[in-house]
């Protein structure tokens, strides 16, 4: 078995981080989001988050770009939100920008899944 490359480890860490933040978003667990985000990344999620009764969100990683200490994780996402009995579905492509060691979310580009439902 060949050893896992450094880029592969970073890509796995990036996807794990995206999952942790997604689960915390669904539970409205702000402290977990804050712990796993840079200050701007945290604000970007909390300021756009709308209230909902329940949500389901799935992320499918498309590709990862690693430049120095910055990671761009491209994910396709599907979401379902229930607000006052009303069901909203949406999907999109987001780019999570992460930096540091361990990685932290810095910002979300393109279609931010944490901004739903509109």
N, C-alpha and C. Protein backbone atom coordinates (compact mmCIF):
# COMPACT_ATOMS: atom_id res chain seq x y z
N UNK A 1 0.84 -1.19 0.00
CA UNK A 1 0.00 0.00 0.00
C UNK A 1 0.88 1.25 0.00
N UNK A 2 0.63 2.16 -0.90
CA UNK A 2 1.47 3.36 -0.92
C UNK A 2 0.95 4.38 0.09
N UNK A 3 1.84 5.19 0.65
CA UNK A 3 1.41 6.17 1.65
C UNK A 3 0.48 7.24 1.04
N UNK A 4 -0.37 7.78 1.89
CA UNK A 4 -1.30 8.82 1.44
C UNK A 4 -0.52 10.12 1.24
N UNK A 5 -0.71 10.77 0.10
CA UNK A 5 0.03 12.00 -0.18
C UNK A 5 -0.44 13.13 0.74
N UNK A 6 0.41 14.12 0.89
CA UNK A 6 0.09 15.28 1.73
C UNK A 6 -1.16 15.99 1.18
N UNK A 7 -1.22 16.15 -0.15
CA UNK A 7 -2.40 16.80 -0.76
C UNK A 7 -3.67 16.02 -0.46
N UNK A 8 -3.56 14.70 -0.52
CA UNK A 8 -4.72 13.86 -0.24
C UNK A 8 -5.19 14.04 1.21
N UNK A 9 -4.24 14.10 2.14
CA UNK A 9 -4.58 14.32 3.55
C UNK A 9 -5.27 15.68 3.73
N UNK A 10 -4.75 16.69 3.06
CA UNK A 10 -5.33 18.03 3.17
C UNK A 10 -6.74 18.03 2.59
N UNK A 11 -6.93 17.36 1.45
CA UNK A 11 -8.26 17.29 0.83
C UNK A 11 -9.25 16.59 1.78
N UNK A 12 -8.82 15.50 2.41
CA UNK A 12 -9.68 14.78 3.36
C UNK A 12 -10.03 15.67 4.55
N UNK A 13 -9.03 16.41 5.05
CA UNK A 13 -9.28 17.32 6.18
C UNK A 13 -10.27 18.41 5.78
N UNK A 14 -10.14 18.93 4.56
CA UNK A 14 -11.04 19.98 4.07
C UNK A 14 -12.47 19.47 4.02
N UNK A 15 -12.66 18.26 3.51
CA UNK A 15 -14.01 17.73 3.41
C UNK A 15 -14.58 17.44 4.80
N UNK A 16 -13.74 16.92 5.70
CA UNK A 16 -14.18 16.67 7.08
C UNK A 16 -14.64 17.97 7.73
N UNK A 17 -13.87 19.04 7.51
CA UNK A 17 -14.21 20.35 8.08
C UNK A 17 -15.55 20.84 7.53
N UNK A 18 -15.76 20.69 6.23
CA UNK A 18 -17.03 21.10 5.62
C UNK A 18 -18.20 20.34 6.25
N UNK A 19 -18.02 19.04 6.51
CA UNK A 19 -19.07 18.23 7.13
C UNK A 19 -19.35 18.68 8.56
N UNK A 20 -18.31 18.98 9.32
CA UNK A 20 -18.47 19.44 10.71
C UNK A 20 -19.27 20.75 10.74
N UNK A 21 -18.91 21.67 9.86
CA UNK A 21 -19.60 22.97 9.81
C UNK A 21 -21.04 22.78 9.35
N UNK A 22 -21.26 21.92 8.36
CA UNK A 22 -22.62 21.65 7.87
C UNK A 22 -23.49 21.10 9.00
N UNK A 23 -22.98 20.11 9.74
CA UNK A 23 -23.75 19.51 10.83
C UNK A 23 -24.05 20.54 11.92
N UNK A 24 -23.07 21.39 12.22
CA UNK A 24 -23.26 22.43 13.23
C UNK A 24 -24.31 23.45 12.76
N UNK A 25 -24.29 23.78 11.47
CA UNK A 25 -25.28 24.70 10.89
C UNK A 25 -26.69 24.14 11.07
N UNK A 26 -26.86 22.86 10.77
CA UNK A 26 -28.18 22.23 10.87
C UNK A 26 -28.68 22.25 12.32
N UNK A 27 -27.75 22.07 13.28
CA UNK A 27 -28.11 22.08 14.71
C UNK A 27 -28.11 23.49 15.31
N UNK A 28 -27.75 24.50 14.52
CA UNK A 28 -27.57 25.88 15.00
C UNK A 28 -26.57 25.91 16.16
N UNK A 29 -25.50 25.16 16.01
CA UNK A 29 -24.45 25.07 17.02
C UNK A 29 -23.37 26.09 16.68
N UNK A 30 -23.60 27.31 17.15
CA UNK A 30 -22.69 28.40 16.77
C UNK A 30 -21.28 28.22 17.29
N UNK A 31 -21.12 27.62 18.47
CA UNK A 31 -19.77 27.49 19.03
C UNK A 31 -18.92 26.55 18.19
N UNK A 32 -19.51 25.48 17.65
CA UNK A 32 -18.75 24.58 16.78
C UNK A 32 -18.38 25.29 15.48
N UNK A 33 -19.31 26.07 14.93
CA UNK A 33 -19.02 26.83 13.71
C UNK A 33 -17.87 27.80 13.99
N UNK A 34 -17.96 28.49 15.13
CA UNK A 34 -16.93 29.48 15.47
C UNK A 34 -15.57 28.82 15.66
N UNK A 35 -15.54 27.67 16.31
CA UNK A 35 -14.29 26.94 16.57
C UNK A 35 -13.61 26.49 15.27
N UNK A 36 -14.40 26.25 14.24
CA UNK A 36 -13.88 25.70 12.99
C UNK A 36 -13.78 26.72 11.87
N UNK A 37 -13.97 27.99 12.21
CA UNK A 37 -13.93 29.05 11.20
C UNK A 37 -13.01 30.17 11.65
N UNK A 38 -12.44 30.85 10.66
CA UNK A 38 -11.77 32.11 10.94
C UNK A 38 -12.89 33.12 11.24
N UNK A 39 -12.56 34.27 11.78
CA UNK A 39 -13.58 35.24 12.17
C UNK A 39 -14.50 35.61 11.00
N UNK A 40 -13.91 35.85 9.83
CA UNK A 40 -14.72 36.23 8.66
C UNK A 40 -15.60 35.07 8.19
N UNK A 41 -15.08 33.86 8.24
CA UNK A 41 -15.86 32.70 7.84
C UNK A 41 -17.06 32.49 8.75
N UNK A 42 -16.84 32.69 10.04
CA UNK A 42 -17.92 32.55 11.02
C UNK A 42 -19.02 33.58 10.74
N UNK A 43 -18.59 34.84 10.55
CA UNK A 43 -19.57 35.90 10.27
C UNK A 43 -20.35 35.61 9.00
N UNK A 44 -19.66 35.07 8.00
CA UNK A 44 -20.29 34.78 6.71
C UNK A 44 -21.42 33.76 6.86
N UNK A 45 -21.27 32.81 7.77
CA UNK A 45 -22.32 31.80 7.97
C UNK A 45 -23.43 32.36 8.86
N UNK A 46 -23.04 32.95 10.00
CA UNK A 46 -24.04 33.39 10.99
C UNK A 46 -24.88 34.56 10.47
N UNK A 47 -24.25 35.48 9.74
CA UNK A 47 -24.99 36.66 9.26
C UNK A 47 -26.01 36.32 8.18
N UNK A 48 -25.79 35.25 7.42
CA UNK A 48 -26.73 34.91 6.34
C UNK A 48 -27.71 33.83 6.75
N UNK A 49 -27.46 33.18 7.91
CA UNK A 49 -28.29 32.05 8.31
C UNK A 49 -29.69 32.53 8.65
N UNK A 50 -30.68 31.91 8.01
CA UNK A 50 -32.07 32.22 8.31
C UNK A 50 -32.61 31.12 9.20
N UNK A 51 -33.63 31.43 9.98
CA UNK A 51 -34.12 30.39 10.89
C UNK A 51 -34.96 29.38 10.12
N UNK A 52 -34.91 28.14 10.58
CA UNK A 52 -35.69 27.06 9.99
C UNK A 52 -36.02 26.06 11.08
N UNK A 53 -37.06 25.27 10.85
CA UNK A 53 -37.45 24.25 11.82
C UNK A 53 -36.57 23.03 11.68
N UNK A 54 -36.26 22.65 10.46
CA UNK A 54 -35.33 21.55 10.23
C UNK A 54 -34.70 21.71 8.86
N UNK A 55 -33.56 21.04 8.69
CA UNK A 55 -32.85 21.12 7.41
C UNK A 55 -32.10 19.83 7.17
N UNK A 56 -31.97 19.50 5.89
CA UNK A 56 -31.10 18.42 5.47
C UNK A 56 -30.20 19.01 4.40
N UNK A 57 -28.94 18.68 4.48
CA UNK A 57 -27.97 19.25 3.55
C UNK A 57 -26.96 18.17 3.22
N UNK A 58 -26.73 17.93 1.93
CA UNK A 58 -25.69 16.98 1.55
C UNK A 58 -24.66 17.68 0.68
N UNK A 59 -23.41 17.36 0.93
CA UNK A 59 -22.29 17.91 0.18
C UNK A 59 -21.64 16.78 -0.62
N UNK A 60 -21.37 17.06 -1.89
CA UNK A 60 -20.63 16.12 -2.72
C UNK A 60 -19.38 16.85 -3.21
N UNK A 61 -18.20 16.44 -2.74
CA UNK A 61 -16.99 17.14 -3.18
C UNK A 61 -16.77 16.95 -4.67
N UNK A 62 -16.44 18.03 -5.36
CA UNK A 62 -16.17 17.97 -6.80
C UNK A 62 -14.67 18.01 -7.06
N UNK A 63 -13.97 18.96 -6.50
CA UNK A 63 -12.51 19.00 -6.62
C UNK A 63 -11.94 19.92 -5.56
N UNK A 64 -10.63 19.76 -5.34
CA UNK A 64 -9.92 20.52 -4.33
C UNK A 64 -8.71 21.15 -4.99
N UNK A 65 -8.52 22.45 -4.74
CA UNK A 65 -7.32 23.14 -5.22
C UNK A 65 -6.53 23.54 -3.98
N UNK A 66 -5.25 23.23 -3.97
CA UNK A 66 -4.40 23.57 -2.84
C UNK A 66 -3.29 24.48 -3.35
N UNK A 67 -3.23 25.69 -2.78
CA UNK A 67 -2.17 26.65 -3.14
C UNK A 67 -1.52 27.10 -1.84
N UNK A 68 -0.36 26.59 -1.56
CA UNK A 68 0.31 26.95 -0.32
C UNK A 68 -0.54 26.52 0.87
N UNK A 69 -0.92 27.49 1.70
CA UNK A 69 -1.72 27.17 2.89
C UNK A 69 -3.22 27.38 2.65
N UNK A 70 -3.59 27.71 1.42
CA UNK A 70 -5.00 27.96 1.11
C UNK A 70 -5.59 26.78 0.34
N UNK A 71 -6.78 26.35 0.77
CA UNK A 71 -7.47 25.24 0.12
C UNK A 71 -8.82 25.75 -0.38
N UNK A 72 -9.13 25.45 -1.64
CA UNK A 72 -10.45 25.74 -2.21
C UNK A 72 -11.15 24.40 -2.41
N UNK A 73 -12.19 24.15 -1.60
CA UNK A 73 -12.96 22.92 -1.71
C UNK A 73 -14.25 23.23 -2.47
N UNK A 74 -14.38 22.64 -3.65
CA UNK A 74 -15.58 22.84 -4.48
C UNK A 74 -16.56 21.72 -4.15
N UNK A 75 -17.77 22.09 -3.71
CA UNK A 75 -18.77 21.07 -3.39
C UNK A 75 -20.09 21.39 -4.08
N UNK A 76 -20.70 20.33 -4.59
CA UNK A 76 -22.09 20.44 -5.06
C UNK A 76 -22.93 20.15 -3.83
N UNK A 77 -24.00 20.92 -3.62
CA UNK A 77 -24.83 20.69 -2.45
C UNK A 77 -26.30 20.61 -2.83
N UNK A 78 -27.02 19.83 -2.02
CA UNK A 78 -28.48 19.72 -2.12
C UNK A 78 -29.02 19.98 -0.74
N UNK A 79 -30.07 20.77 -0.65
CA UNK A 79 -30.64 21.06 0.66
C UNK A 79 -32.15 21.07 0.65
N UNK A 80 -32.71 20.72 1.79
CA UNK A 80 -34.15 20.80 2.03
C UNK A 80 -34.33 21.48 3.38
N UNK A 81 -35.14 22.52 3.41
CA UNK A 81 -35.41 23.26 4.64
C UNK A 81 -36.91 23.26 4.91
N UNK A 82 -37.27 23.12 6.16
CA UNK A 82 -38.68 23.22 6.57
C UNK A 82 -38.80 24.47 7.44
N UNK A 83 -39.64 25.39 7.01
CA UNK A 83 -39.88 26.62 7.76
C UNK A 83 -41.39 26.76 7.93
N UNK A 84 -41.85 26.71 9.17
CA UNK A 84 -43.29 26.82 9.47
C UNK A 84 -44.11 25.90 8.57
N UNK A 85 -43.68 24.65 8.45
CA UNK A 85 -44.41 23.67 7.66
C UNK A 85 -44.19 23.76 6.16
N UNK A 86 -43.50 24.79 5.71
CA UNK A 86 -43.25 24.99 4.28
C UNK A 86 -41.89 24.38 3.91
N UNK A 87 -41.90 23.55 2.88
CA UNK A 87 -40.68 22.87 2.45
C UNK A 87 -40.04 23.63 1.29
N UNK A 88 -38.75 23.88 1.40
CA UNK A 88 -37.99 24.55 0.35
C UNK A 88 -36.82 23.65 -0.03
N UNK A 89 -36.63 23.45 -1.33
CA UNK A 89 -35.48 22.67 -1.78
C UNK A 89 -34.62 23.54 -2.67
N UNK A 90 -33.33 23.31 -2.61
CA UNK A 90 -32.42 24.07 -3.45
C UNK A 90 -31.14 23.27 -3.61
N UNK A 91 -30.36 23.66 -4.59
CA UNK A 91 -29.05 23.04 -4.77
C UNK A 91 -28.14 24.04 -5.43
N UNK A 92 -26.86 23.77 -5.36
CA UNK A 92 -25.92 24.71 -5.96
C UNK A 92 -24.50 24.19 -5.88
N UNK A 93 -23.58 25.05 -6.24
CA UNK A 93 -22.16 24.73 -6.18
C UNK A 93 -21.50 25.81 -5.34
N UNK A 94 -20.82 25.40 -4.30
CA UNK A 94 -20.13 26.36 -3.43
C UNK A 94 -18.64 26.06 -3.44
N UNK A 95 -17.86 27.09 -3.14
CA UNK A 95 -16.42 26.92 -2.97
C UNK A 95 -16.10 27.37 -1.56
N UNK A 96 -15.64 26.43 -0.73
CA UNK A 96 -15.24 26.76 0.63
C UNK A 96 -13.76 27.08 0.62
N UNK A 97 -13.41 28.29 1.05
CA UNK A 97 -12.01 28.69 1.12
C UNK A 97 -11.56 28.46 2.55
N UNK A 98 -10.51 27.65 2.69
CA UNK A 98 -10.00 27.28 4.01
C UNK A 98 -8.52 27.58 4.07
N UNK A 99 -8.08 27.92 5.29
CA UNK A 99 -6.66 28.22 5.48
C UNK A 99 -6.21 27.72 6.83
N UNK A 100 -4.89 27.57 6.96
CA UNK A 100 -4.29 27.30 8.26
C UNK A 100 -4.04 25.83 8.53
N UNK A 101 -3.51 25.59 9.72
CA UNK A 101 -3.21 24.24 10.16
C UNK A 101 -3.52 24.17 11.65
N UNK A 102 -4.61 23.54 12.08
CA UNK A 102 -5.59 22.86 11.24
C UNK A 102 -6.39 23.85 10.39
N UNK A 103 -7.01 23.35 9.33
CA UNK A 103 -7.81 24.19 8.44
C UNK A 103 -8.97 24.85 9.17
N UNK A 104 -9.28 26.08 8.77
CA UNK A 104 -10.47 26.78 9.24
C UNK A 104 -11.15 27.40 8.02
N UNK A 105 -12.48 27.49 8.08
CA UNK A 105 -13.23 28.10 6.98
C UNK A 105 -13.00 29.61 6.99
N UNK A 106 -12.61 30.16 5.86
CA UNK A 106 -12.35 31.59 5.75
C UNK A 106 -13.51 32.29 5.05
N UNK A 107 -13.99 31.69 3.95
CA UNK A 107 -15.15 32.26 3.27
C UNK A 107 -15.81 31.24 2.36
N UNK A 108 -17.02 31.60 1.93
CA UNK A 108 -17.79 30.74 1.03
C UNK A 108 -18.04 31.54 -0.25
N UNK A 109 -17.61 30.99 -1.37
CA UNK A 109 -17.80 31.64 -2.67
C UNK A 109 -18.91 30.94 -3.43
N UNK A 110 -19.45 31.63 -4.42
CA UNK A 110 -20.52 31.11 -5.28
C UNK A 110 -21.80 30.93 -4.46
N UNK A 111 -22.49 29.80 -4.62
CA UNK A 111 -23.82 29.65 -3.99
C UNK A 111 -23.67 29.09 -2.58
N UNK A 112 -23.82 29.98 -1.61
CA UNK A 112 -23.62 29.63 -0.20
C UNK A 112 -24.80 28.80 0.31
N UNK A 113 -24.59 27.53 0.67
CA UNK A 113 -25.70 26.70 1.14
C UNK A 113 -26.24 27.14 2.50
N UNK A 114 -25.45 27.94 3.22
CA UNK A 114 -25.86 28.36 4.57
C UNK A 114 -26.77 29.59 4.52
N UNK A 115 -27.07 30.06 3.32
CA UNK A 115 -27.87 31.26 3.14
C UNK A 115 -29.34 30.94 2.86
N UNK A 116 -29.64 29.66 2.79
CA UNK A 116 -30.99 29.23 2.44
C UNK A 116 -31.87 29.21 3.69
N UNK A 117 -33.16 29.08 3.61
CA UNK A 117 -33.94 29.17 2.38
C UNK A 117 -34.23 30.63 2.03
N UNK A 118 -34.32 30.90 0.78
CA UNK A 118 -34.61 32.28 0.32
C UNK A 118 -36.10 32.43 0.13
